[in-house]
Amino acid sequence: MIDLSNAIATQTNTHITDSCMVKSKADMRAYLKELQASSAPEMAVNQRDIESQVCEWRSHNFFYKFHVFRSRTKDVDLELKQTWYRELFCRLVSFFYFWDKD
């Protein structure tokens, strides 16, 4: 069982405090799947594709790793509505996040 105490799921956003501590894609997927299972169907975590949420999470971790906006990137807000350019940016940055096993 995964501890979901630092996650808040709403209909428009999923907030995960200290998300920078989760580094691997597999752990991110497992966390989000567990959160989906414990959340109502109308919550944002259940409305977005898991992979797009993982990409956004990894892009936050990328910037956290390089000390960019650390106070803002230590947590992640996975908002339901994403602009196409933000989605593209997250996917590109996520591609360069290689620290799965830190």
PDB file of N, CA and C in Angstrom:
ATOM      1  N   MET A   1       0.845  -1.184   0.000  1.00  0.00           N
ATOM      2  CA  MET A   1       0.000   0.000   0.000  1.00  0.00           C
ATOM      3  C   MET A   1       0.885   1.240   0.000  1.00  0.00           C
ATOM      4  N   ILE A   2       0.579   2.163  -0.869  1.00  0.00           N
ATOM      5  CA  ILE A   2       1.335   3.414  -0.998  1.00  0.00           C
ATOM      6  C   ILE A   2       0.703   4.473  -0.102  1.00  0.00           C
ATOM      7  N   ASP A   3       1.546   5.244   0.583  1.00  0.00           N
ATOM      8  CA  ASP A   3       1.060   6.325   1.447  1.00  0.00           C
ATOM      9  C   ASP A   3       0.648   7.509   0.581  1.00  0.00           C
ATOM     10  N   LEU A   4      -0.627   7.807   0.562  1.00  0.00           N
ATOM     11  CA  LEU A   4      -1.164   8.899  -0.253  1.00  0.00           C
ATOM     12  C   LEU A   4      -1.463  10.143   0.583  1.00  0.00           C
ATOM     13  N   SER A   5      -0.934  10.196   1.807  1.00  0.00           N
ATOM     14  CA  SER A   5      -1.263  11.295   2.717  1.00  0.00           C
ATOM     15  C   SER A   5      -0.787  12.658   2.231  1.00  0.00           C
ATOM     16  N   ASN A   6       0.180  12.691   1.329  1.00  0.00           N
ATOM     17  CA  ASN A   6       0.665  13.982   0.830  1.00  0.00           C
ATOM     18  C   ASN A   6       0.079  14.321  -0.544  1.00  0.00           C
ATOM     19  N   ALA A   7      -1.052  13.707  -0.884  1.00  0.00           N
ATOM     20  CA  ALA A   7      -1.731  13.993  -2.157  1.00  0.00           C
ATOM     21  C   ALA A   7      -3.128  14.544  -1.888  1.00  0.00           C
ATOM     22  N   ILE A   8      -3.491  15.532  -2.680  1.00  0.00           N
ATOM     23  CA  ILE A   8      -4.831  16.108  -2.625  1.00  0.00           C
ATOM     24  C   ILE A   8      -5.405  16.067  -4.032  1.00  0.00           C
ATOM     25  N   ALA A   9      -6.486  15.326  -4.197  1.00  0.00           N
ATOM     26  CA  ALA A   9      -7.120  15.202  -5.509  1.00  0.00           C
ATOM     27  C   ALA A   9      -8.416  16.010  -5.519  1.00  0.00           C
ATOM     28  N   THR A  10      -8.552  16.881  -6.514  1.00  0.00           N
ATOM     29  CA  THR A  10      -9.791  17.629  -6.721  1.00  0.00           C
ATOM     30  C   THR A  10     -10.250  17.400  -8.157  1.00  0.00           C
ATOM     31  N   GLN A  11     -11.352  18.030  -8.527  1.00  0.00           N
ATOM     32  CA  GLN A  11     -11.865  17.863  -9.882  1.00  0.00           C
ATOM     33  C   GLN A  11     -11.021  18.588 -10.924  1.00  0.00           C
ATOM     34  N   THR A  12     -10.203  19.544 -10.514  1.00  0.00           N
ATOM     35  CA  THR A  12      -9.407  20.314 -11.474  1.00  0.00           C
ATOM     36  C   THR A  12      -7.901  20.139 -11.309  1.00  0.00           C
ATOM     37  N   ASN A  13      -7.469  19.511 -10.214  1.00  0.00           N
ATOM     38  CA  ASN A  13      -6.050  19.473  -9.916  1.00  0.00           C
ATOM     39  C   ASN A  13      -5.719  18.291  -9.005  1.00  0.00           C
ATOM     40  N   THR A  14      -4.494  17.799  -9.163  1.00  0.00           N
ATOM     41  CA  THR A  14      -3.948  16.817  -8.233  1.00  0.00           C
ATOM     42  C   THR A  14      -2.661  17.406  -7.699  1.00  0.00           C
ATOM     43  N   HIS A  15      -2.612  17.653  -6.388  1.00  0.00           N
ATOM     44  CA  HIS A  15      -1.423  18.236  -5.761  1.00  0.00           C
ATOM     45  C   HIS A  15      -0.708  17.143  -4.980  1.00  0.00           C
ATOM     46  N   ILE A  16       0.597  17.003  -5.227  1.00  0.00           N
ATOM     47  CA  ILE A  16       1.412  16.020  -4.501  1.00  0.00           C
ATOM     48  C   ILE A  16       2.559  16.773  -3.845  1.00  0.00           C
ATOM     49  N   THR A  17       2.534  16.803  -2.525  1.00  0.00           N
ATOM     50  CA  THR A  17       3.583  17.469  -1.753  1.00  0.00           C
ATOM     51  C   THR A  17       4.835  16.596  -1.735  1.00  0.00           C
ATOM     52  N   ASP A  18       5.984  17.241  -1.846  1.00  0.00           N
ATOM     53  CA  ASP A  18       7.290  16.560  -1.860  1.00  0.00           C
ATOM     54  C   ASP A  18       7.377  15.496  -2.953  1.00  0.00           C
ATOM     55  N   SER A  19       6.811  15.796  -4.088  1.00  0.00           N
ATOM     56  CA  SER A  19       6.838  14.863  -5.225  1.00  0.00           C
ATOM     57  C   SER A  19       8.257  14.620  -5.732  1.00  0.00           C
ATOM     58  N   CYS A  20       9.161  15.525  -5.415  1.00  0.00           N
ATOM     59  CA  CYS A  20      10.558  15.380  -5.851  1.00  0.00           C
ATOM     60  C   CYS A  20      11.227  14.151  -5.236  1.00  0.00           C
ATOM     61  N   MET A  21      10.643  13.591  -4.190  1.00  0.00           N
ATOM     62  CA  MET A  21      11.216  12.414  -3.542  1.00  0.00           C
ATOM     63  C   MET A  21      10.947  11.131  -4.335  1.00  0.00           C
ATOM     64  N   VAL A  22       9.978  11.171  -5.224  1.00  0.00           N
ATOM     65  CA  VAL A  22       9.661  10.016  -6.069  1.00  0.00           C
ATOM     66  C   VAL A  22      10.395  10.222  -7.390  1.00  0.00           C
ATOM     67  N   LYS A  23      11.310   9.320  -7.709  1.00  0.00           N
ATOM     68  CA  LYS A  23      12.192   9.572  -8.852  1.00  0.00           C
ATOM     69  C   LYS A  23      11.949   8.670 -10.058  1.00  0.00           C
ATOM     70  N   SER A  24      11.489   7.462  -9.847  1.00  0.00           N
ATOM     71  CA  SER A  24      11.368   6.555 -10.998  1.00  0.00           C
ATOM     72  C   SER A  24       9.977   6.635 -11.628  1.00  0.00           C
ATOM     73  N   LYS A  25       9.940   6.379 -12.924  1.00  0.00           N
ATOM     74  CA  LYS A  25       8.671   6.360 -13.655  1.00  0.00           C
ATOM     75  C   LYS A  25       7.735   5.311 -13.067  1.00  0.00           C
ATOM     76  N   ALA A  26       8.291   4.153 -12.750  1.00  0.00           N
ATOM     77  CA  ALA A  26       7.470   3.064 -12.210  1.00  0.00           C
ATOM     78  C   ALA A  26       6.824   3.475 -10.892  1.00  0.00           C
ATOM     79  N   ASP A  27       7.566   4.141 -10.031  1.00  0.00           N
ATOM     80  CA  ASP A  27       7.016   4.590  -8.750  1.00  0.00           C
ATOM     81  C   ASP A  27       5.965   5.679  -8.953  1.00  0.00           C
ATOM     82  N   MET A  28       6.196   6.563  -9.913  1.00  0.00           N
ATOM     83  CA  MET A  28       5.213   7.611 -10.216  1.00  0.00           C
ATOM     84  C   MET A  28       3.919   6.992 -10.721  1.00  0.00           C
ATOM     85  N   ARG A  29       4.046   6.033 -11.645  1.00  0.00           N
ATOM     86  CA  ARG A  29       2.868   5.359 -12.181  1.00  0.00           C
ATOM     87  C   ARG A  29       2.107   4.642 -11.063  1.00  0.00           C
ATOM     88  N   ALA A  30       2.840   3.923 -10.217  1.00  0.00           N
ATOM     89  CA  ALA A  30       2.208   3.183  -9.116  1.00  0.00           C
ATOM     90  C   ALA A  30       1.487   4.143  -8.173  1.00  0.00           C
ATOM     91  N   TYR A  31       2.110   5.263  -7.869  1.00  0.00           N
ATOM     92  CA  TYR A  31       1.507   6.260  -6.987  1.00  0.00           C
ATOM     93  C   TYR A  31       0.217   6.803  -7.593  1.00  0.00           C
ATOM     94  N   LEU A  32       0.270   7.172  -8.869  1.00  0.00           N
ATOM     95  CA  LEU A  32      -0.903   7.724  -9.535  1.00  0.00           C
ATOM     96  C   LEU A  32      -2.019   6.689  -9.679  1.00  0.00           C
ATOM     97  N   LYS A  33      -1.669   5.446  -9.959  1.00  0.00           N
ATOM     98  CA  LYS A  33      -2.682   4.394 -10.071  1.00  0.00           C
ATOM     99  C   LYS A  33      -3.364   4.146  -8.727  1.00  0.00           C
ATOM    100  N   GLU A  34      -2.580   4.169  -7.666  1.00  0.00           N
ATOM    101  CA  GLU A  34      -3.151   4.007  -6.319  1.00  0.00           C
ATOM    102  C   GLU A  34      -4.066   5.187  -5.984  1.00  0.00           C
ATOM    103  N   LEU A  35      -3.627   6.384  -6.358  1.00  0.00           N
ATOM    104  CA  LEU A  35      -4.440   7.577  -6.124  1.00  0.00           C
ATOM    105  C   LEU A  35      -5.726   7.531  -6.950  1.00  0.00           C
ATOM    106  N   GLN A  36      -5.635   7.055  -8.185  1.00  0.00           N
ATOM    107  CA  GLN A  36      -6.832   6.901  -9.020  1.00  0.00           C
ATOM    108  C   GLN A  36      -7.831   5.937  -8.374  1.00  0.00           C
ATOM    109  N   ALA A  37      -7.324   4.842  -7.863  1.00  0.00           N
ATOM    110  CA  ALA A  37      -8.187   3.825  -7.260  1.00  0.00           C
ATOM    111  C   ALA A  37      -8.913   4.344  -6.020  1.00  0.00           C
ATOM    112  N   SER A  38      -8.274   5.281  -5.323  1.00  0.00           N
ATOM    113  CA  SER A  38      -8.874   5.786  -4.079  1.00  0.00           C
ATOM    114  C   SER A  38      -9.636   7.099  -4.280  1.00  0.00           C
ATOM    115  N   SER A  39      -9.717   7.569  -5.521  1.00  0.00           N
ATOM    116  CA  SER A  39     -10.398   8.840  -5.818  1.00  0.00           C
ATOM    117  C   SER A  39     -11.655   8.604  -6.646  1.00  0.00           C
ATOM    118  N   ALA A  40     -12.577   9.524  -6.535  1.00  0.00           N
ATOM    119  CA  ALA A  40     -13.814   9.449  -7.318  1.00  0.00           C
ATOM    120  C   ALA A  40     -13.509   9.610  -8.808  1.00  0.00           C
ATOM    121  N   PRO A  41     -14.331   9.049  -9.671  1.00  0.00           N
ATOM    122  CA  PRO A  41     -14.082   9.106 -11.115  1.00  0.00           C
ATOM    123  C   PRO A  41     -13.980  10.517 -11.685  1.00  0.00           C
ATOM    124  N   GLU A  42     -14.653  11.488 -11.071  1.00  0.00           N
ATOM    125  CA  GLU A  42     -14.628  12.855 -11.608  1.00  0.00           C
ATOM    126  C   GLU A  42     -13.392  13.659 -11.199  1.00  0.00           C
ATOM    127  N   MET A  43     -12.537  13.085 -10.374  1.00  0.00           N
ATOM    128  CA  MET A  43     -11.328  13.796  -9.956  1.00  0.00           C
ATOM    129  C   MET A  43     -10.325  13.886 -11.109  1.00  0.00           C
ATOM    130  N   ALA A  44      -9.524  14.952 -11.098  1.00  0.00           N
ATOM    131  CA  ALA A  44      -8.570  15.221 -12.181  1.00  0.00           C
ATOM    132  C   ALA A  44      -7.621  14.057 -12.427  1.00  0.00           C
ATOM    133  N   VAL A  45      -7.192  13.392 -11.371  1.00  0.00           N
ATOM    134  CA  VAL A  45      -6.253  12.281 -11.521  1.00  0.00           C
ATOM    135  C   VAL A  45      -6.841  11.162 -12.383  1.00  0.00           C
ATOM    136  N   ASN A  46      -8.166  11.036 -12.376  1.00  0.00           N
ATOM    137  CA  ASN A  46      -8.840  10.015 -13.196  1.00  0.00           C
ATOM    138  C   ASN A  46      -9.234  10.513 -14.577  1.00  0.00           C
ATOM    139  N   GLN A  47      -9.120  11.789 -14.815  1.00  0.00           N
ATOM    140  CA  GLN A  47      -9.523  12.374 -16.086  1.00  0.00           C
ATOM    141  C   GLN A  47      -8.356  12.546 -17.063  1.00  0.00           C
ATOM    142  N   ARG A  48      -7.152  12.515 -16.542  1.00  0.00           N
ATOM    143  CA  ARG A  48      -5.957  12.677 -17.390  1.00  0.00           C
ATOM    144  C   ARG A  48      -5.250  11.355 -17.585  1.00  0.00           C
ATOM    145  N   ASP A  49      -4.598  11.220 -18.702  1.00  0.00           N
ATOM    146  CA  ASP A  49      -3.791  10.058 -19.017  1.00  0.00           C
ATOM    147  C   ASP A  49      -2.629   9.949 -18.026  1.00  0.00           C
ATOM    148  N   ILE A  50      -2.353   8.753 -17.550  1.00  0.00           N
ATOM    149  CA  ILE A  50      -1.261   8.533 -16.587  1.00  0.00           C
ATOM    150  C   ILE A  50       0.071   9.024 -17.157  1.00  0.00           C
ATOM    151  N   GLU A  51       0.339   8.714 -18.413  1.00  0.00           N
ATOM    152  CA  GLU A  51       1.637   9.084 -18.997  1.00  0.00           C
ATOM    153  C   GLU A  51       1.831  10.596 -19.064  1.00  0.00           C
ATOM    154  N   SER A  52       0.786  11.340 -19.351  1.00  0.00           N
ATOM    155  CA  SER A  52       0.945  12.795 -19.390  1.00  0.00           C
ATOM    156  C   SER A  52       1.203  13.347 -17.991  1.00  0.00           C
ATOM    157  N   GLN A  53       0.602  12.714 -16.984  1.00  0.00           N
ATOM    158  CA  GLN A  53       0.851  13.134 -15.611  1.00  0.00           C
ATOM    159  C   GLN A  53       2.283  12.800 -15.186  1.00  0.00           C
ATOM    160  N   VAL A  54       2.757  11.642 -15.601  1.00  0.00           N
ATOM    161  CA  VAL A  54       4.139  11.248 -15.292  1.00  0.00           C
ATOM    162  C   VAL A  54       5.120  12.204 -15.973  1.00  0.00           C
ATOM    163  N   CYS A  55       4.856  12.569 -17.214  1.00  0.00           N
ATOM    164  CA  CYS A  55       5.726  13.520 -17.918  1.00  0.00           C
ATOM    165  C   CYS A  55       5.791  14.859 -17.190  1.00  0.00           C
ATOM    166  N   GLU A  56       4.650  15.347 -16.760  1.00  0.00           N
ATOM    167  CA  GLU A  56       4.632  16.622 -16.037  1.00  0.00           C
ATOM    168  C   GLU A  56       5.387  16.501 -14.707  1.00  0.00           C
ATOM    169  N   TRP A  57       5.194  15.400 -14.017  1.00  0.00           N
ATOM    170  CA  TRP A  57       5.878  15.149 -12.743  1.00  0.00           C
ATOM    171  C   TRP A  57       7.387  15.100 -12.964  1.00  0.00           C
ATOM    172  N   ARG A  58       7.814  14.379 -13.999  1.00  0.00           N
ATOM    173  CA  ARG A  58       9.248  14.274 -14.301  1.00  0.00           C
ATOM    174  C   ARG A  58       9.840  15.625 -14.692  1.00  0.00           C
ATOM    175  N   SER A  59       9.079  16.466 -15.359  1.00  0.00           N
ATOM    176  CA  SER A  59       9.601  17.789 -15.715  1.00  0.00           C
ATOM    177  C   SER A  59       9.806  18.632 -14.455  1.00  0.00           C
ATOM    178  N   HIS A  60       8.914  18.509 -13.482  1.00  0.00           N
ATOM    179  CA  HIS A  60       9.129  19.189 -12.194  1.00  0.00           C
ATOM    180  C   HIS A  60      10.405  18.671 -11.533  1.00  0.00           C
ATOM    181  N   ASN A  61      10.571  17.358 -11.535  1.00  0.00           N
ATOM    182  CA  ASN A  61      11.764  16.769 -10.914  1.00  0.00           C
ATOM    183  C   ASN A  61      13.047  17.208 -11.616  1.00  0.00           C
ATOM    184  N   PHE A  62      12.978  17.339 -12.935  1.00  0.00           N
ATOM    185  CA  PHE A  62      14.140  17.799 -13.700  1.00  0.00           C
ATOM    186  C   PHE A  62      14.593  19.168 -13.204  1.00  0.00           C
ATOM    187  N   PHE A  63      13.665  20.097 -13.090  1.00  0.00           N
ATOM    188  CA  PHE A  63      14.020  21.444 -12.632  1.00  0.00           C
ATOM    189  C   PHE A  63      14.432  21.448 -11.167  1.00  0.00           C
ATOM    190  N   TYR A  64      13.813  20.616 -10.359  1.00  0.00           N
ATOM    191  CA  TYR A  64      14.209  20.512  -8.951  1.00  0.00           C
ATOM    192  C   TYR A  64      15.649  20.023  -8.842  1.00  0.00           C
ATOM    193  N   LYS A  65      15.989  19.026  -9.629  1.00  0.00           N
ATOM    194  CA  LYS A  65      17.346  18.453  -9.619  1.00  0.00           C
ATOM    195  C   LYS A  65      18.409  19.514  -9.924  1.00  0.00           C
ATOM    196  N   PHE A  66      18.083  20.452 -10.798  1.00  0.00           N
ATOM    197  CA  PHE A  66      19.026  21.501 -11.180  1.00  0.00           C
ATOM    198  C   PHE A  66      18.818  22.805 -10.407  1.00  0.00           C
ATOM    199  N   HIS A  67      18.101  22.724  -9.287  1.00  0.00           N
ATOM    200  CA  HIS A  67      17.905  23.868  -8.383  1.00  0.00           C
ATOM    201  C   HIS A  67      17.216  25.050  -9.065  1.00  0.00           C
ATOM    202  N   VAL A  68      16.326  24.759  -9.988  1.00  0.00           N
ATOM    203  CA  VAL A  68      15.570  25.807 -10.670  1.00  0.00           C
ATOM    204  C   VAL A  68      14.193  25.882 -10.016  1.00  0.00           C
ATOM    205  N   PHE A  69      13.866  27.040  -9.456  1.00  0.00           N
ATOM    206  CA  PHE A  69      12.577  27.244  -8.793  1.00  0.00           C
ATOM    207  C   PHE A  69      12.279  26.132  -7.787  1.00  0.00           C
ATOM    208  N   ARG A  70      13.250  25.796  -6.949  1.00  0.00           N
ATOM    209  CA  ARG A  70      13.104  24.650  -6.045  1.00  0.00           C
ATOM    210  C   ARG A  70      11.880  24.743  -5.152  1.00  0.00           C
ATOM    211  N   SER A  71      11.545  25.937  -4.706  1.00  0.00           N
ATOM    212  CA  SER A  71      10.376  26.051  -3.827  1.00  0.00           C
ATOM    213  C   SER A  71       9.080  25.719  -4.574  1.00  0.00           C
ATOM    214  N   ARG A  72       9.087  25.869  -5.882  1.00  0.00           N
ATOM    215  CA  ARG A  72       7.892  25.585  -6.695  1.00  0.00           C
ATOM    216  C   ARG A  72       7.920  24.195  -7.325  1.00  0.00           C
ATOM    217  N   THR A  73       9.112  23.614  -7.469  1.00  0.00           N
ATOM    218  CA  THR A  73       9.203  22.325  -8.164  1.00  0.00           C
ATOM    219  C   THR A  73       9.345  21.137  -7.222  1.00  0.00           C
ATOM    220  N   LYS A  74       9.431  21.382  -5.913  1.00  0.00           N
ATOM    221  CA  LYS A  74       9.509  20.246  -4.979  1.00  0.00           C
ATOM    222  C   LYS A  74       8.161  19.529  -4.870  1.00  0.00           C
ATOM    223  N   ASP A  75       7.086  20.254  -5.144  1.00  0.00           N
ATOM    224  CA  ASP A  75       5.738  19.696  -5.188  1.00  0.00           C
ATOM    225  C   ASP A  75       5.264  19.757  -6.643  1.00  0.00           C
ATOM    226  N   VAL A  76       4.240  18.988  -6.952  1.00  0.00           N
ATOM    227  CA  VAL A  76       3.696  19.050  -8.307  1.00  0.00           C
ATOM    228  C   VAL A  76       2.182  19.256  -8.244  1.00  0.00           C
ATOM    229  N   ASP A  77       1.690  20.083  -9.155  1.00  0.00           N
ATOM    230  CA  ASP A  77       0.258  20.283  -9.361  1.00  0.00           C
ATOM    231  C   ASP A  77      -0.068  19.777 -10.755  1.00  0.00           C
ATOM    232  N   LEU A  78      -0.757  18.676 -10.816  1.00  0.00           N
ATOM    233  CA  LEU A  78      -1.135  18.079 -12.093  1.00  0.00           C
ATOM    234  C   LEU A  78      -2.543  18.562 -12.433  1.00  0.00           C
ATOM    235  N   GLU A  79      -2.573  19.675 -13.137  1.00  0.00           N
ATOM    236  CA  GLU A  79      -3.860  20.297 -13.463  1.00  0.00           C
ATOM    237  C   GLU A  79      -4.559  19.547 -14.588  1.00  0.00           C
ATOM    238  N   LEU A  80      -5.880  19.534 -14.519  1.00  0.00           N
ATOM    239  CA  LEU A  80      -6.666  18.810 -15.517  1.00  0.00           C
ATOM    240  C   LEU A  80      -6.501  19.412 -16.907  1.00  0.00           C
ATOM    241  N   LYS A  81      -6.660  20.699 -17.031  1.00  0.00           N
ATOM    242  CA  LYS A  81      -6.576  21.359 -18.337  1.00  0.00           C
ATOM    243  C   LYS A  81      -5.131  21.772 -18.618  1.00  0.00           C
ATOM    244  N   GLN A  82      -4.571  21.228 -19.677  1.00  0.00           N
ATOM    245  CA  GLN A  82      -3.213  21.539 -20.109  1.00  0.00           C
ATOM    246  C   GLN A  82      -3.269  22.181 -21.499  1.00  0.00           C
ATOM    247  N   THR A  83      -2.518  23.252 -21.673  1.00  0.00           N
ATOM    248  CA  THR A  83      -2.408  23.802 -23.020  1.00  0.00           C
ATOM    249  C   THR A  83      -1.519  22.874 -23.835  1.00  0.00           C
ATOM    250  N   TRP A  84      -1.647  22.897 -25.135  1.00  0.00           N
ATOM    251  CA  TRP A  84      -0.854  22.006 -25.981  1.00  0.00           C
ATOM    252  C   TRP A  84       0.634  22.293 -25.850  1.00  0.00           C
ATOM    253  N   TYR A  85       0.989  23.576 -25.687  1.00  0.00           N
ATOM    254  CA  TYR A  85       2.412  23.917 -25.594  1.00  0.00           C
ATOM    255  C   TYR A  85       2.998  23.525 -24.240  1.00  0.00           C
ATOM    256  N   ARG A  86       2.199  23.556 -23.184  1.00  0.00           N
ATOM    257  CA  ARG A  86       2.704  23.101 -21.884  1.00  0.00           C
ATOM    258  C   ARG A  86       2.898  21.588 -21.902  1.00  0.00           C
ATOM    259  N   GLU A  87       1.960  20.888 -22.500  1.00  0.00           N
ATOM    260  CA  GLU A  87       2.066  19.435 -22.633  1.00  0.00           C
ATOM    261  C   GLU A  87       3.324  19.066 -23.431  1.00  0.00           C
ATOM    262  N   LEU A  88       3.556  19.753 -24.531  1.00  0.00           N
ATOM    263  CA  LEU A  88       4.737  19.515 -25.346  1.00  0.00           C
ATOM    264  C   LEU A  88       6.012  19.812 -24.557  1.00  0.00           C
ATOM    265  N   PHE A  89       6.038  20.928 -23.858  1.00  0.00           N
ATOM    266  CA  PHE A  89       7.196  21.309 -23.055  1.00  0.00           C
ATOM    267  C   PHE A  89       7.486  20.246 -21.993  1.00  0.00           C
ATOM    268  N   CYS A  90       6.461  19.783 -21.304  1.00  0.00           N
ATOM    269  CA  CYS A  90       6.652  18.756 -20.268  1.00  0.00           C
ATOM    270  C   CYS A  90       7.198  17.468 -20.863  1.00  0.00           C
ATOM    271  N   ARG A  91       6.689  17.092 -22.024  1.00  0.00           N
ATOM    272  CA  ARG A  91       7.182  15.865 -22.672  1.00  0.00           C
ATOM    273  C   ARG A  91       8.653  15.996 -23.073  1.00  0.00           C
ATOM    274  N   LEU A  92       9.031  17.155 -23.580  1.00  0.00           N
ATOM    275  CA  LEU A  92      10.426  17.367 -23.969  1.00  0.00           C
ATOM    276  C   LEU A  92      11.353  17.358 -22.757  1.00  0.00           C
ATOM    277  N   VAL A  93      10.977  18.073 -21.717  1.00  0.00           N
ATOM    278  CA  VAL A  93      11.808  18.122 -20.513  1.00  0.00           C
ATOM    279  C   VAL A  93      11.884  16.746 -19.861  1.00  0.00           C
ATOM    280  N   SER A  94      10.768  16.048 -19.819  1.00  0.00           N
ATOM    281  CA  SER A  94      10.725  14.715 -19.232  1.00  0.00           C
ATOM    282  C   SER A  94      11.690  13.764 -19.929  1.00  0.00           C
ATOM    283  N   PHE A  95      11.831  13.925 -21.225  1.00  0.00           N
ATOM    284  CA  PHE A  95      12.745  13.088 -21.999  1.00  0.00           C
ATOM    285  C   PHE A  95      14.181  13.190 -21.479  1.00  0.00           C
ATOM    286  N   PHE A  96      14.555  14.363 -20.959  1.00  0.00           N
ATOM    287  CA  PHE A  96      15.918  14.589 -20.487  1.00  0.00           C
ATOM    288  C   PHE A  96      16.112  14.290 -19.005  1.00  0.00           C
ATOM    289  N   TYR A  97      15.089  13.800 -18.337  1.00  0.00           N
ATOM    290  CA  TYR A  97      15.192  13.466 -16.914  1.00  0.00           C
ATOM    291  C   TYR A  97      15.661  12.024 -16.789  1.00  0.00           C
ATOM    292  N   PHE A  98      16.957  11.843 -16.465  1.00  0.00           N
ATOM    293  CA  PHE A  98      17.570  10.523 -16.441  1.00  0.00           C
ATOM    294  C   PHE A  98      17.819   9.980 -15.029  1.00  0.00           C
ATOM    295  N   TRP A  99      17.334  10.661 -14.017  1.00  0.00           N
ATOM    296  CA  TRP A  99      17.699  10.287 -12.647  1.00  0.00           C
ATOM    297  C   TRP A  99      16.647   9.404 -11.996  1.00  0.00           C
ATOM    298  N   ASP A 100      16.300   8.330 -12.653  1.00  0.00           N
ATOM    299  CA  ASP A 100      15.293   7.413 -12.125  1.00  0.00           C
ATOM    300  C   ASP A 100      15.766   6.703 -10.863  1.00  0.00           C
ATOM    301  N   LYS A 101      17.045   6.460 -10.726  1.00  0.00           N
ATOM    302  CA  LYS A 101      17.548   5.590  -9.654  1.00  0.00           C
ATOM    303  C   LYS A 101      18.371   6.326  -8.604  1.00  0.00           C
ATOM    304  N   ASP A 102      18.206   7.635  -8.445  1.00  0.00           N
ATOM    305  CA  ASP A 102      18.996   8.375  -7.446  1.00  0.00           C
ATOM    306  C   ASP A 102      18.761   7.853  -6.055  1.00  0.00           C
TER     307      ASP A 102
END
